[in-house]
Amino acid sequence: TDAFFLLDEQARLLDVNIQACAILGYARDELLGQTPALFDPDFTPALLTDLNRTLGAGEAISLESRHRRKDG
């Protein structure tokens, strides 16, 4: 029942599950290769830098975000 997003180090979407597509209203092919900025109004380059720094240090992260559906 949870949405799943797999991102690379540049935050490009490598994979999403069916639930992520259903929640956001996008087809899987529309999401792949995009960044969360497409649907997350709070996603910024500074956030990506912070996430990469934390993960690079071997620390765990927990995220909460709000998402904007394709239809607004």
Protein backbone atom coordinates (compact mmCIF):
# COMPACT_ATOMS: atom_id res chain seq x y z
CA THR A 1 0.00 0.00 0.00
CA ASP A 2 3.03 2.30 0.24
CA ALA A 3 4.48 4.25 -2.63
CA PHE A 4 8.06 3.30 -3.48
CA PHE A 5 10.56 5.56 -5.24
CA LEU A 6 14.11 4.47 -6.15
CA LEU A 7 16.41 7.37 -6.99
CA ASP A 8 20.00 7.66 -8.16
CA GLU A 9 22.53 10.07 -6.65
CA GLN A 10 21.24 12.92 -8.86
CA ALA A 11 17.71 12.18 -7.60
CA ARG A 12 16.48 10.86 -10.94
CA LEU A 13 13.75 8.27 -10.55
CA LEU A 14 15.03 4.83 -11.51
CA ASP A 15 11.94 2.92 -10.45
CA VAL A 16 8.51 3.46 -8.92
CA ASN A 17 5.81 1.01 -7.94
CA ILE A 18 2.18 0.89 -9.03
CA GLN A 19 1.05 2.59 -5.82
CA ALA A 20 3.33 5.59 -6.47
CA CYS A 21 1.80 5.94 -9.93
CA ALA A 22 -1.74 5.66 -8.56
CA ILE A 23 -1.13 8.21 -5.80
CA LEU A 24 0.48 10.75 -8.15
CA GLY A 25 -1.68 10.14 -11.22
CA TYR A 26 1.28 9.55 -13.54
CA ALA A 27 2.11 6.56 -15.70
CA ARG A 28 5.34 4.82 -14.73
CA ASP A 29 7.02 5.92 -17.97
CA GLU A 30 6.18 9.55 -17.20
CA LEU A 31 7.96 9.36 -13.84
CA LEU A 32 11.10 7.44 -14.78
CA GLY A 33 14.02 9.78 -15.35
CA GLN A 34 12.30 12.70 -13.62
CA THR A 35 13.27 14.12 -10.23
CA PRO A 36 10.96 14.52 -7.23
CA ALA A 37 10.72 18.23 -8.09
CA LEU A 38 8.02 17.15 -10.57
CA PHE A 39 5.65 16.22 -7.75
CA ASP A 40 7.28 17.47 -4.51
CA PRO A 41 7.07 21.26 -4.15
CA ASP A 42 9.61 21.15 -1.29
CA PHE A 43 12.32 19.29 -3.20
CA THR A 44 15.29 21.59 -3.82
CA PRO A 45 18.93 21.19 -4.86
CA ALA A 46 19.91 22.10 -1.27
CA LEU A 47 17.78 19.22 0.05
CA LEU A 48 19.47 16.84 -2.39
CA THR A 49 22.90 18.02 -1.19
CA ASP A 50 21.91 17.43 2.42
CA LEU A 51 20.51 13.98 1.65
CA ASN A 52 23.63 12.95 -0.27
CA ARG A 53 25.87 14.21 2.56
CA THR A 54 23.89 12.27 5.17
CA LEU A 55 23.79 9.07 3.13
CA GLY A 56 27.48 9.45 2.23
CA ALA A 57 28.29 9.51 5.92
CA GLY A 58 26.52 6.18 6.33
CA GLU A 59 23.65 7.65 8.32
CA ALA A 60 20.03 6.61 7.95
CA ILE A 61 17.40 9.09 6.82
CA SER A 62 13.68 9.34 7.28
CA LEU A 63 11.65 11.59 5.03
CA GLU A 64 8.21 13.06 5.04
CA SER A 65 7.03 14.93 2.00
CA ARG A 66 3.93 16.27 0.42
CA HIS A 67 3.18 15.41 -3.16
CA ARG A 68 1.28 17.19 -5.91
CA ARG A 69 -0.76 14.97 -8.21
CA LYS A 70 -0.45 15.32 -11.98
CA ASP A 71 -3.92 16.90 -12.08
CA GLY A 72 -2.89 19.50 -9.51
